[in-house]
Amino acid sequence: MFGAGDLNSPTPYGLTPTEEVIVKTKKTTTNNERKIKKVDSKITQIYDKVDGLGSLFEGESRKLNDVSLDIKQQSTQLEILKKNTDTQTEQIELLQEDIVSLKKQQELNSNNIELLKESFDKIVILVNKINKEYVTKDEFNKLLVMLDKKQSSKTKTTNGKKFSSNKSNKELMKEVRTLFKKDYFTKAIPILEHLISIKHRPAECNYYMGEINYYRKNYKDALHYFKTSMMLYDKAKYLPKLLLHSAISFEKIGDMENANNFYNTIVDVYPDSKEAAEASKKTK
């Protein structure tokens, strides 16, 4: 009568057992609906977070992919740099070896230059000594005058027969060397006289003429050619032999003073030569 049995009342009373069950069920349903709404709200929040994490994951994945690409590119560049570095290192090592080799060659060249300078200085001293002390002596000068006249007479006689050849001067010089090695002196002489007359390698040609006369024991003629050769070119490689044969020629014609001077000069100027070894036997 005063609201008893009102199922919609917040605090119903006077309810029948059935109505109490209905009220209780209604309360339970209402509570469940509240819980479901809360759960739905949480699920929505979770979905939102999942979506956020998905976006974040995609972003991080893209970053990771970019980093991977960068790593790959950097690795490729590193390999290229490594190869270039290895190549450059090898080139540097080769250059260092070349520098060491060039320094050794430079040192060797410097030593050779010093040796050549010493030899040149000795040869200059030798020539000056020969000119001043030996060759210019009165007796030898008279001998040379006589030899020059004799040689001029020989040249005129020889020049009566004109030398002819289709070979070049260089080929003729090569032929002379070959003939000389074989001791074909008779065939070599007219070629040498021709080359001397046209002034082709006159120092070498006079040397060979001196050697031919030396081996034929024409010592005075040999001395004439030896002197001419030495005056024309005093740095020839055959100079030690020329000096030795000059010394022996002086000895053979009885001029022991000049012979001894030449022997001593060879030993002083060319101490390591085989000619010096032979000359030293004469000076003892």
C-alpha atoms as a PDB file:
ATOM      1  CA  MET A   1       0.000   0.000   0.000  1.00  0.00           C
ATOM      2  CA  PHE A   2       3.001   2.382   0.556  1.00  0.00           C
ATOM      3  CA  GLY A   3       5.177   1.071  -2.301  1.00  0.00           C
ATOM      4  CA  ALA A   4       5.388  -2.499  -1.170  1.00  0.00           C
ATOM      5  CA  GLY A   5       6.087  -4.851  -4.050  1.00  0.00           C
ATOM      6  CA  ASP A   6       7.523  -2.071  -6.302  1.00  0.00           C
ATOM      7  CA  LEU A   7      10.143  -3.868  -8.343  1.00  0.00           C
ATOM      8  CA  ASN A   8      11.493  -0.612  -9.745  1.00  0.00           C
ATOM      9  CA  SER A   9      12.144   0.885  -6.311  1.00  0.00           C
ATOM     10  CA  PRO A  10      15.808   1.222  -5.409  1.00  0.00           C
ATOM     11  CA  THR A  11      14.989  -0.536  -2.146  1.00  0.00           C
ATOM     12  CA  PRO A  12      11.972  -2.674  -2.801  1.00  0.00           C
ATOM     13  CA  TYR A  13      10.243  -4.421   0.047  1.00  0.00           C
ATOM     14  CA  GLY A  14       7.230  -6.525   0.658  1.00  0.00           C
ATOM     15  CA  LEU A  15       8.227  -8.684  -2.271  1.00  0.00           C
ATOM     16  CA  THR A  16       7.127 -12.163  -2.914  1.00  0.00           C
ATOM     17  CA  PRO A  17       9.829 -14.794  -3.251  1.00  0.00           C
ATOM     18  CA  THR A  18       9.417 -14.704  -6.988  1.00  0.00           C
ATOM     19  CA  GLU A  19       9.730 -10.971  -7.033  1.00  0.00           C
ATOM     20  CA  GLU A  20      12.837 -11.157  -4.869  1.00  0.00           C
ATOM     21  CA  VAL A  21      14.405 -13.519  -7.394  1.00  0.00           C
ATOM     22  CA  ILE A  22      13.473 -11.100 -10.158  1.00  0.00           C
ATOM     23  CA  VAL A  23      14.972  -8.162  -8.285  1.00  0.00           C
ATOM     24  CA  LYS A  24      18.115 -10.129  -7.492  1.00  0.00           C
ATOM     25  CA  THR A  25      18.475 -11.253 -11.128  1.00  0.00           C
ATOM     26  CA  LYS A  26      17.903  -7.714 -12.245  1.00  0.00           C
ATOM     27  CA  LYS A  27      20.675  -6.443  -9.950  1.00  0.00           C
ATOM     28  CA  THR A  28      22.988  -9.180 -11.152  1.00  0.00           C
ATOM     29  CA  THR A  29      22.215  -8.328 -14.765  1.00  0.00           C
ATOM     30  CA  THR A  30      22.805  -4.656 -14.098  1.00  0.00           C
ATOM     31  CA  ASN A  31      26.154  -5.424 -12.447  1.00  0.00           C
ATOM     32  CA  ASN A  32      27.124  -7.701 -15.325  1.00  0.00           C
ATOM     33  CA  GLU A  33      26.197  -5.020 -17.817  1.00  0.00           C
ATOM     34  CA  ARG A  34      28.420  -2.578 -15.931  1.00  0.00           C
ATOM     35  CA  LYS A  35      31.269  -5.102 -15.931  1.00  0.00           C
ATOM     36  CA  ILE A  36      30.737  -5.850 -19.641  1.00  0.00           C
ATOM     37  CA  LYS A  37      30.856  -2.123 -20.401  1.00  0.00           C
ATOM     38  CA  LYS A  38      34.088  -1.860 -18.410  1.00  0.00           C
ATOM     39  CA  VAL A  39      35.500  -4.900 -20.231  1.00  0.00           C
ATOM     40  CA  ASP A  40      34.399  -3.452 -23.578  1.00  0.00           C
ATOM     41  CA  SER A  41      36.050  -0.195 -22.646  1.00  0.00           C
ATOM     42  CA  LYS A  42      39.248  -2.018 -21.717  1.00  0.00           C
ATOM     43  CA  ILE A  43      39.096  -4.096 -24.909  1.00  0.00           C
ATOM     44  CA  THR A  44      38.687  -0.878 -26.892  1.00  0.00           C
ATOM     45  CA  GLN A  45      41.666   0.592 -25.066  1.00  0.00           C
ATOM     46  CA  ILE A  46      43.640  -2.582 -25.761  1.00  0.00           C
ATOM     47  CA  TYR A  47      42.726  -2.417 -29.458  1.00  0.00           C
ATOM     48  CA  ASP A  48      43.818   1.190 -29.503  1.00  0.00           C
ATOM     49  CA  LYS A  49      47.117   0.208 -27.918  1.00  0.00           C
ATOM     50  CA  VAL A  50      47.487  -2.710 -30.315  1.00  0.00           C
ATOM     51  CA  ASP A  51      46.874  -0.360 -33.241  1.00  0.00           C
ATOM     52  CA  GLY A  52      49.426   2.038 -31.786  1.00  0.00           C
ATOM     53  CA  LEU A  53      51.918  -0.776 -31.300  1.00  0.00           C
ATOM     54  CA  GLY A  54      51.198  -1.949 -34.852  1.00  0.00           C
ATOM     55  CA  SER A  55      51.962   1.498 -36.210  1.00  0.00           C
ATOM     56  CA  LEU A  56      55.031   1.694 -34.004  1.00  0.00           C
ATOM     57  CA  PHE A  57      56.110  -1.760 -35.172  1.00  0.00           C
ATOM     58  CA  GLU A  58      55.669  -0.786 -38.802  1.00  0.00           C
ATOM     59  CA  GLY A  59      57.673   2.366 -38.210  1.00  0.00           C
ATOM     60  CA  GLU A  60      60.414   0.471 -36.431  1.00  0.00           C
ATOM     61  CA  SER A  61      60.349  -2.191 -39.133  1.00  0.00           C
ATOM     62  CA  ARG A  62      60.850   0.470 -41.757  1.00  0.00           C
ATOM     63  CA  LYS A  63      63.674   1.958 -39.708  1.00  0.00           C
ATOM     64  CA  LEU A  64      65.180  -1.499 -39.263  1.00  0.00           C
ATOM     65  CA  ASN A  65      64.915  -2.123 -42.995  1.00  0.00           C
ATOM     66  CA  ASP A  66      66.545   1.236 -43.709  1.00  0.00           C
ATOM     67  CA  VAL A  67      69.291   0.440 -41.236  1.00  0.00           C
ATOM     68  CA  SER A  68      69.772  -2.965 -42.881  1.00  0.00           C
ATOM     69  CA  LEU A  69      70.082  -1.293 -46.285  1.00  0.00           C
ATOM     70  CA  ASP A  70      72.556   1.207 -44.824  1.00  0.00           C
ATOM     71  CA  ILE A  71      74.535  -1.632 -43.255  1.00  0.00           C
ATOM     72  CA  LYS A  72      74.593  -3.464 -46.584  1.00  0.00           C
ATOM     73  CA  GLN A  73      75.707  -0.341 -48.434  1.00  0.00           C
ATOM     74  CA  GLN A  74      78.314   0.429 -45.795  1.00  0.00           C
ATOM     75  CA  SER A  75      79.545  -3.191 -45.934  1.00  0.00           C
ATOM     76  CA  THR A  76      79.827  -2.937 -49.717  1.00  0.00           C
ATOM     77  CA  GLN A  77      81.725   0.333 -49.435  1.00  0.00           C
ATOM     78  CA  LEU A  78      83.894  -1.191 -46.722  1.00  0.00           C
ATOM     79  CA  GLU A  79      84.764  -4.113 -48.995  1.00  0.00           C
ATOM     80  CA  ILE A  80      85.603  -1.696 -51.818  1.00  0.00           C
ATOM     81  CA  LEU A  81      87.709   0.398 -49.479  1.00  0.00           C
ATOM     82  CA  LYS A  82      89.405  -2.719 -48.176  1.00  0.00           C
ATOM     83  CA  LYS A  83      90.226  -3.859 -51.706  1.00  0.00           C
ATOM     84  CA  ASN A  84      91.461  -0.390 -52.595  1.00  0.00           C
ATOM     85  CA  THR A  85      93.455  -0.287 -49.381  1.00  0.00           C
ATOM     86  CA  ASP A  86      94.998  -3.692 -50.136  1.00  0.00           C
ATOM     87  CA  THR A  87      95.835  -2.521 -53.660  1.00  0.00           C
ATOM     88  CA  GLN A  88      97.242   0.752 -52.369  1.00  0.00           C
ATOM     89  CA  THR A  89      99.211  -1.091 -49.695  1.00  0.00           C
ATOM     90  CA  GLU A  90     100.653  -3.393 -52.346  1.00  0.00           C
ATOM     91  CA  GLN A  91     101.464  -0.410 -54.553  1.00  0.00           C
ATOM     92  CA  ILE A  92     103.073   1.371 -51.621  1.00  0.00           C
ATOM     93  CA  GLU A  93     105.185  -1.710 -50.879  1.00  0.00           C
ATOM     94  CA  LEU A  94     106.230  -1.919 -54.531  1.00  0.00           C
ATOM     95  CA  LEU A  95     107.075   1.776 -54.548  1.00  0.00           C
ATOM     96  CA  GLN A  96     109.094   1.352 -51.360  1.00  0.00           C
ATOM     97  CA  GLU A  97     110.990  -1.540 -52.961  1.00  0.00           C
ATOM     98  CA  ASP A  98     111.590   0.592 -56.061  1.00  0.00           C
ATOM     99  CA  ILE A  99     112.834   3.455 -53.903  1.00  0.00           C
ATOM    100  CA  VAL A 100     115.252   1.129 -52.082  1.00  0.00           C
ATOM    101  CA  SER A 101     116.430  -0.283 -55.424  1.00  0.00           C
ATOM    102  CA  LEU A 102     116.833   3.203 -56.901  1.00  0.00           C
ATOM    103  CA  LYS A 103     118.782   4.343 -53.846  1.00  0.00           C
ATOM    104  CA  LYS A 104     121.112   1.356 -54.235  1.00  0.00           C
ATOM    105  CA  GLN A 105     121.481   2.100 -57.937  1.00  0.00           C
ATOM    106  CA  GLN A 106     122.120   5.751 -57.149  1.00  0.00           C
ATOM    107  CA  GLU A 107     124.779   4.759 -54.637  1.00  0.00           C
ATOM    108  CA  LEU A 108     126.315   2.366 -57.165  1.00  0.00           C
ATOM    109  CA  ASN A 109     126.260   5.061 -59.845  1.00  0.00           C
ATOM    110  CA  SER A 110     127.877   7.515 -57.452  1.00  0.00           C
ATOM    111  CA  ASN A 111     130.618   4.989 -56.703  1.00  0.00           C
ATOM    112  CA  ASN A 112     131.088   4.315 -60.422  1.00  0.00           C
ATOM    113  CA  ILE A 113     131.312   8.036 -61.099  1.00  0.00           C
ATOM    114  CA  GLU A 114     133.952   8.363 -58.403  1.00  0.00           C
ATOM    115  CA  LEU A 115     135.900   5.433 -59.873  1.00  0.00           C
ATOM    116  CA  LEU A 116     135.596   6.870 -63.377  1.00  0.00           C
ATOM    117  CA  LYS A 117     136.723  10.265 -62.124  1.00  0.00           C
ATOM    118  CA  GLU A 118     139.719   8.660 -60.416  1.00  0.00           C
ATOM    119  CA  SER A 119     140.535   6.721 -63.592  1.00  0.00           C
ATOM    120  CA  PHE A 120     140.109   9.837 -65.713  1.00  0.00           C
ATOM    121  CA  ASP A 121     142.381  11.821 -63.402  1.00  0.00           C
ATOM    122  CA  LYS A 122     144.979   9.043 -63.548  1.00  0.00           C
ATOM    123  CA  ILE A 123     144.770   8.909 -67.334  1.00  0.00           C
ATOM    124  CA  VAL A 124     145.206  12.674 -67.591  1.00  0.00           C
ATOM    125  CA  ILE A 125     148.239  12.426 -65.313  1.00  0.00           C
ATOM    126  CA  LEU A 126     149.518   9.524 -67.407  1.00  0.00           C
ATOM    127  CA  VAL A 127     149.152  11.394 -70.706  1.00  0.00           C
ATOM    128  CA  ASN A 128     150.781  14.504 -69.303  1.00  0.00           C
ATOM    129  CA  LYS A 129     153.557  12.389 -67.854  1.00  0.00           C
ATOM    130  CA  ILE A 130     154.131  10.609 -71.152  1.00  0.00           C
ATOM    131  CA  ASN A 131     154.106  13.865 -73.085  1.00  0.00           C
ATOM    132  CA  LYS A 132     156.462  15.630 -70.684  1.00  0.00           C
ATOM    133  CA  GLU A 133     158.772  12.879 -69.511  1.00  0.00           C
ATOM    134  CA  TYR A 134     158.861  10.199 -72.189  1.00  0.00           C
ATOM    135  CA  VAL A 135     157.551  11.139 -75.597  1.00  0.00           C
ATOM    136  CA  THR A 136     159.153  14.557 -75.733  1.00  0.00           C
ATOM    137  CA  LYS A 137     162.659  13.320 -75.064  1.00  0.00           C
ATOM    138  CA  ASP A 138     165.087  14.313 -77.818  1.00  0.00           C
ATOM    139  CA  GLU A 139     166.046  10.799 -78.706  1.00  0.00           C
ATOM    140  CA  PHE A 140     162.436   9.643 -78.967  1.00  0.00           C
ATOM    141  CA  ASN A 141     161.417  12.741 -80.903  1.00  0.00           C
ATOM    142  CA  LYS A 142     164.130  12.048 -83.446  1.00  0.00           C
ATOM    143  CA  LEU A 143     162.875   8.489 -83.650  1.00  0.00           C
ATOM    144  CA  LEU A 144     159.341   9.701 -84.234  1.00  0.00           C
ATOM    145  CA  VAL A 145     160.468  12.100 -86.946  1.00  0.00           C
ATOM    146  CA  MET A 146     162.148   9.217 -88.647  1.00  0.00           C
ATOM    147  CA  LEU A 147     159.101   7.015 -88.190  1.00  0.00           C
ATOM    148  CA  ASP A 148     156.793   9.725 -89.501  1.00  0.00           C
ATOM    149  CA  LYS A 149     158.882  10.074 -92.637  1.00  0.00           C
ATOM    150  CA  LYS A 150     159.018   6.327 -93.032  1.00  0.00           C
ATOM    151  CA  GLN A 151     155.288   6.074 -92.517  1.00  0.00           C
ATOM    152  CA  SER A 152     154.561   8.880 -94.975  1.00  0.00           C
ATOM    153  CA  SER A 153     156.613   7.055 -97.557  1.00  0.00           C
ATOM    154  CA  LYS A 154     154.690   3.850 -96.855  1.00  0.00           C
ATOM    155  CA  THR A 155     151.362   5.663 -97.073  1.00  0.00           C
ATOM    156  CA  LYS A 156     152.209   7.195-100.430  1.00  0.00           C
ATOM    157  CA  THR A 157     153.234   3.810-101.766  1.00  0.00           C
ATOM    158  CA  THR A 158     150.102   2.168-100.422  1.00  0.00           C
ATOM    159  CA  ASN A 159     147.827   4.965-101.608  1.00  0.00           C
ATOM    160  CA  GLY A 160     149.010   4.256-105.133  1.00  0.00           C
ATOM    161  CA  LYS A 161     146.594   1.324-105.025  1.00  0.00           C
ATOM    162  CA  LYS A 162     143.170   2.839-104.544  1.00  0.00           C
ATOM    163  CA  PHE A 163     141.067   1.026-101.981  1.00  0.00           C
ATOM    164  CA  SER A 164     137.504   0.291-103.012  1.00  0.00           C
ATOM    165  CA  SER A 165     134.659  -1.444-101.265  1.00  0.00           C
ATOM    166  CA  ASN A 166     130.873  -1.454-101.354  1.00  0.00           C
ATOM    167  CA  LYS A 167     130.730  -1.782 -97.562  1.00  0.00           C
ATOM    168  CA  SER A 168     130.010   1.081 -95.198  1.00  0.00           C
ATOM    169  CA  ASN A 169     132.713   2.395 -92.879  1.00  0.00           C
ATOM    170  CA  LYS A 170     130.961   0.737 -89.944  1.00  0.00           C
ATOM    171  CA  GLU A 171     130.938  -2.612 -91.755  1.00  0.00           C
ATOM    172  CA  LEU A 172     134.612  -2.196 -92.691  1.00  0.00           C
ATOM    173  CA  MET A 173     135.487  -1.505 -89.037  1.00  0.00           C
ATOM    174  CA  LYS A 174     133.609  -4.634 -88.005  1.00  0.00           C
ATOM    175  CA  GLU A 175     135.508  -6.609 -90.648  1.00  0.00           C
ATOM    176  CA  VAL A 176     138.825  -5.266 -89.328  1.00  0.00           C
ATOM    177  CA  ARG A 177     138.043  -6.496 -85.825  1.00  0.00           C
ATOM    178  CA  THR A 178     137.133  -9.936 -87.156  1.00  0.00           C
ATOM    179  CA  LEU A 179     140.281 -10.158 -89.298  1.00  0.00           C
ATOM    180  CA  PHE A 180     142.433  -9.018 -86.371  1.00  0.00           C
ATOM    181  CA  LYS A 181     141.029 -11.717 -84.071  1.00  0.00           C
ATOM    182  CA  LYS A 182     141.876 -14.317 -86.728  1.00  0.00           C
ATOM    183  CA  ASP A 183     145.390 -12.848 -87.244  1.00  0.00           C
ATOM    184  CA  TYR A 184     144.572 -12.032 -90.877  1.00  0.00           C
ATOM    185  CA  PHE A 185     146.816  -8.973 -90.688  1.00  0.00           C
ATOM    186  CA  THR A 186     147.599  -8.688 -94.396  1.00  0.00           C
ATOM    187  CA  LYS A 187     143.892  -8.388 -95.265  1.00  0.00           C
ATOM    188  CA  ALA A 188     143.260  -5.962 -92.413  1.00  0.00           C
ATOM    189  CA  ILE A 189     146.056  -3.480 -93.215  1.00  0.00           C
ATOM    190  CA  PRO A 190     144.636  -1.922 -96.438  1.00  0.00           C
ATOM    191  CA  ILE A 191     141.229  -1.502 -94.778  1.00  0.00           C
ATOM    192  CA  LEU A 192     142.842   0.164 -91.764  1.00  0.00           C
ATOM    193  CA  GLU A 193     144.903   2.481 -93.940  1.00  0.00           C
ATOM    194  CA  HIS A 194     141.766   3.467 -95.825  1.00  0.00           C
ATOM    195  CA  LEU A 195     139.807   4.143 -92.622  1.00  0.00           C
ATOM    196  CA  ILE A 196     142.706   6.170 -91.196  1.00  0.00           C
ATOM    197  CA  SER A 197     142.900   8.239 -94.396  1.00  0.00           C
ATOM    198  CA  ILE A 198     139.224   9.177 -94.137  1.00  0.00           C
ATOM    199  CA  LYS A 199     139.522   9.651 -90.333  1.00  0.00           C
ATOM    200  CA  HIS A 200     136.965   6.996 -89.401  1.00  0.00           C
ATOM    201  CA  ARG A 201     137.648   5.909 -85.787  1.00  0.00           C
ATOM    202  CA  PRO A 202     141.302   6.937 -86.218  1.00  0.00           C
ATOM    203  CA  ALA A 203     142.298   6.170 -82.612  1.00  0.00           C
ATOM    204  CA  GLU A 204     141.089   2.560 -82.814  1.00  0.00           C
ATOM    205  CA  CYS A 205     142.483   2.092 -86.342  1.00  0.00           C
ATOM    206  CA  ASN A 206     145.928   3.358 -85.259  1.00  0.00           C
ATOM    207  CA  TYR A 207     145.767   1.015 -82.268  1.00  0.00           C
ATOM    208  CA  TYR A 208     145.134  -1.997 -84.521  1.00  0.00           C
ATOM    209  CA  MET A 209     147.942  -0.897 -86.850  1.00  0.00           C
ATOM    210  CA  GLY A 210     150.211  -0.639 -83.816  1.00  0.00           C
ATOM    211  CA  GLU A 211     149.189  -4.118 -82.662  1.00  0.00           C
ATOM    212  CA  ILE A 212     149.786  -5.611 -86.110  1.00  0.00           C
ATOM    213  CA  ASN A 213     153.275  -4.083 -86.247  1.00  0.00           C
ATOM    214  CA  TYR A 214     153.905  -5.170 -82.661  1.00  0.00           C
ATOM    215  CA  TYR A 215     153.053  -8.808 -83.415  1.00  0.00           C
ATOM    216  CA  ARG A 216     155.137  -8.597 -86.582  1.00  0.00           C
ATOM    217  CA  LYS A 217     158.000  -7.289 -84.397  1.00  0.00           C
ATOM    218  CA  ASN A 218     158.116  -3.928 -86.185  1.00  0.00           C
ATOM    219  CA  TYR A 219     158.471  -2.236 -82.812  1.00  0.00           C
ATOM    220  CA  LYS A 220     159.396   1.246 -84.017  1.00  0.00           C
ATOM    221  CA  ASP A 221     156.401   1.373 -86.342  1.00  0.00           C
ATOM    222  CA  ALA A 222     154.251  -0.015 -83.538  1.00  0.00           C
ATOM    223  CA  LEU A 223     155.339   2.833 -81.240  1.00  0.00           C
ATOM    224  CA  HIS A 224     154.383   5.390 -83.876  1.00  0.00           C
ATOM    225  CA  TYR A 225     150.846   4.026 -84.155  1.00  0.00           C
ATOM    226  CA  PHE A 226     150.489   3.539 -80.390  1.00  0.00           C
ATOM    227  CA  LYS A 227     151.476   7.139 -79.737  1.00  0.00           C
ATOM    228  CA  THR A 228     149.067   8.445 -82.403  1.00  0.00           C
ATOM    229  CA  SER A 229     146.220   6.345 -81.007  1.00  0.00           C
ATOM    230  CA  MET A 230     146.829   7.519 -77.446  1.00  0.00           C
ATOM    231  CA  MET A 231     147.031  11.166 -78.473  1.00  0.00           C
ATOM    232  CA  LEU A 232     143.711  10.869 -80.342  1.00  0.00           C
ATOM    233  CA  TYR A 233     141.787   9.132 -77.545  1.00  0.00           C
ATOM    234  CA  ASP A 234     143.291   8.520 -74.113  1.00  0.00           C
ATOM    235  CA  LYS A 235     140.225   6.895 -72.493  1.00  0.00           C
ATOM    236  CA  ALA A 236     139.936   3.793 -74.664  1.00  0.00           C
ATOM    237  CA  LYS A 237     139.362   0.437 -72.973  1.00  0.00           C
ATOM    238  CA  TYR A 238     142.380  -1.015 -74.780  1.00  0.00           C
ATOM    239  CA  LEU A 239     144.743   1.595 -73.281  1.00  0.00           C
ATOM    240  CA  PRO A 240     146.335  -0.773 -70.692  1.00  0.00           C
ATOM    241  CA  LYS A 241     147.316  -3.196 -73.468  1.00  0.00           C
ATOM    242  CA  LEU A 242     148.541  -0.312 -75.655  1.00  0.00           C
ATOM    243  CA  LEU A 243     150.779   0.905 -72.814  1.00  0.00           C
ATOM    244  CA  LEU A 244     152.098  -2.580 -72.076  1.00  0.00           C
ATOM    245  CA  HIS A 245     152.948  -3.249 -75.715  1.00  0.00           C
ATOM    246  CA  SER A 246     154.528   0.213 -75.907  1.00  0.00           C
ATOM    247  CA  ALA A 247     156.700  -0.658 -72.901  1.00  0.00           C
ATOM    248  CA  ILE A 248     157.701  -3.981 -74.452  1.00  0.00           C
ATOM    249  CA  SER A 249     158.419  -2.217 -77.771  1.00  0.00           C
ATOM    250  CA  PHE A 250     160.703   0.261 -75.987  1.00  0.00           C
ATOM    251  CA  GLU A 251     162.447  -2.661 -74.309  1.00  0.00           C
ATOM    252  CA  LYS A 252     162.856  -4.436 -77.647  1.00  0.00           C
ATOM    253  CA  ILE A 253     164.535  -1.404 -79.267  1.00  0.00           C
ATOM    254  CA  GLY A 254     166.820  -1.016 -76.248  1.00  0.00           C
ATOM    255  CA  ASP A 255     165.184   2.028 -74.597  1.00  0.00           C
ATOM    256  CA  MET A 256     164.945   0.621 -71.059  1.00  0.00           C
ATOM    257  CA  GLU A 257     164.379   4.005 -69.435  1.00  0.00           C
ATOM    258  CA  ASN A 258     161.102   4.577 -71.298  1.00  0.00           C
ATOM    259  CA  ALA A 259     160.249   0.879 -70.994  1.00  0.00           C
ATOM    260  CA  ASN A 260     160.560   0.984 -67.175  1.00  0.00           C
ATOM    261  CA  ASN A 261     158.639   4.248 -66.994  1.00  0.00           C
ATOM    262  CA  PHE A 262     155.764   2.685 -68.953  1.00  0.00           C
ATOM    263  CA  TYR A 263     155.808  -0.492 -66.823  1.00  0.00           C
ATOM    264  CA  ASN A 264     155.636   1.571 -63.627  1.00  0.00           C
ATOM    265  CA  THR A 265     152.882   3.772 -65.045  1.00  0.00           C
ATOM    266  CA  ILE A 266     150.701   0.758 -65.896  1.00  0.00           C
ATOM    267  CA  VAL A 267     151.071  -0.589 -62.349  1.00  0.00           C
ATOM    268  CA  ASP A 268     150.231   2.822 -60.855  1.00  0.00           C
ATOM    269  CA  VAL A 269     147.269   3.691 -63.082  1.00  0.00           C
ATOM    270  CA  TYR A 270     145.732   0.238 -63.715  1.00  0.00           C
ATOM    271  CA  PRO A 271     146.761  -1.785 -60.619  1.00  0.00           C
ATOM    272  CA  ASP A 272     143.954  -4.357 -60.985  1.00  0.00           C
ATOM    273  CA  SER A 273     144.495  -5.104 -64.679  1.00  0.00           C
ATOM    274  CA  LYS A 274     146.178  -8.210 -66.087  1.00  0.00           C
ATOM    275  CA  GLU A 275     148.578  -5.856 -67.899  1.00  0.00           C
ATOM    276  CA  ALA A 276     149.641  -4.436 -64.506  1.00  0.00           C
ATOM    277  CA  ALA A 277     150.321  -7.966 -63.256  1.00  0.00           C
ATOM    278  CA  GLU A 278     152.593  -8.589 -66.240  1.00  0.00           C
ATOM    279  CA  ALA A 279     154.214  -5.147 -65.960  1.00  0.00           C
ATOM    280  CA  SER A 280     154.933  -5.665 -62.258  1.00  0.00           C
ATOM    281  CA  LYS A 281     157.115  -8.668 -63.176  1.00  0.00           C
ATOM    282  CA  LYS A 282     159.257  -6.332 -65.264  1.00  0.00           C
ATOM    283  CA  THR A 283     159.700  -3.738 -62.517  1.00  0.00           C
ATOM    284  CA  LYS A 284     161.084  -6.124 -59.900  1.00  0.00           C
END
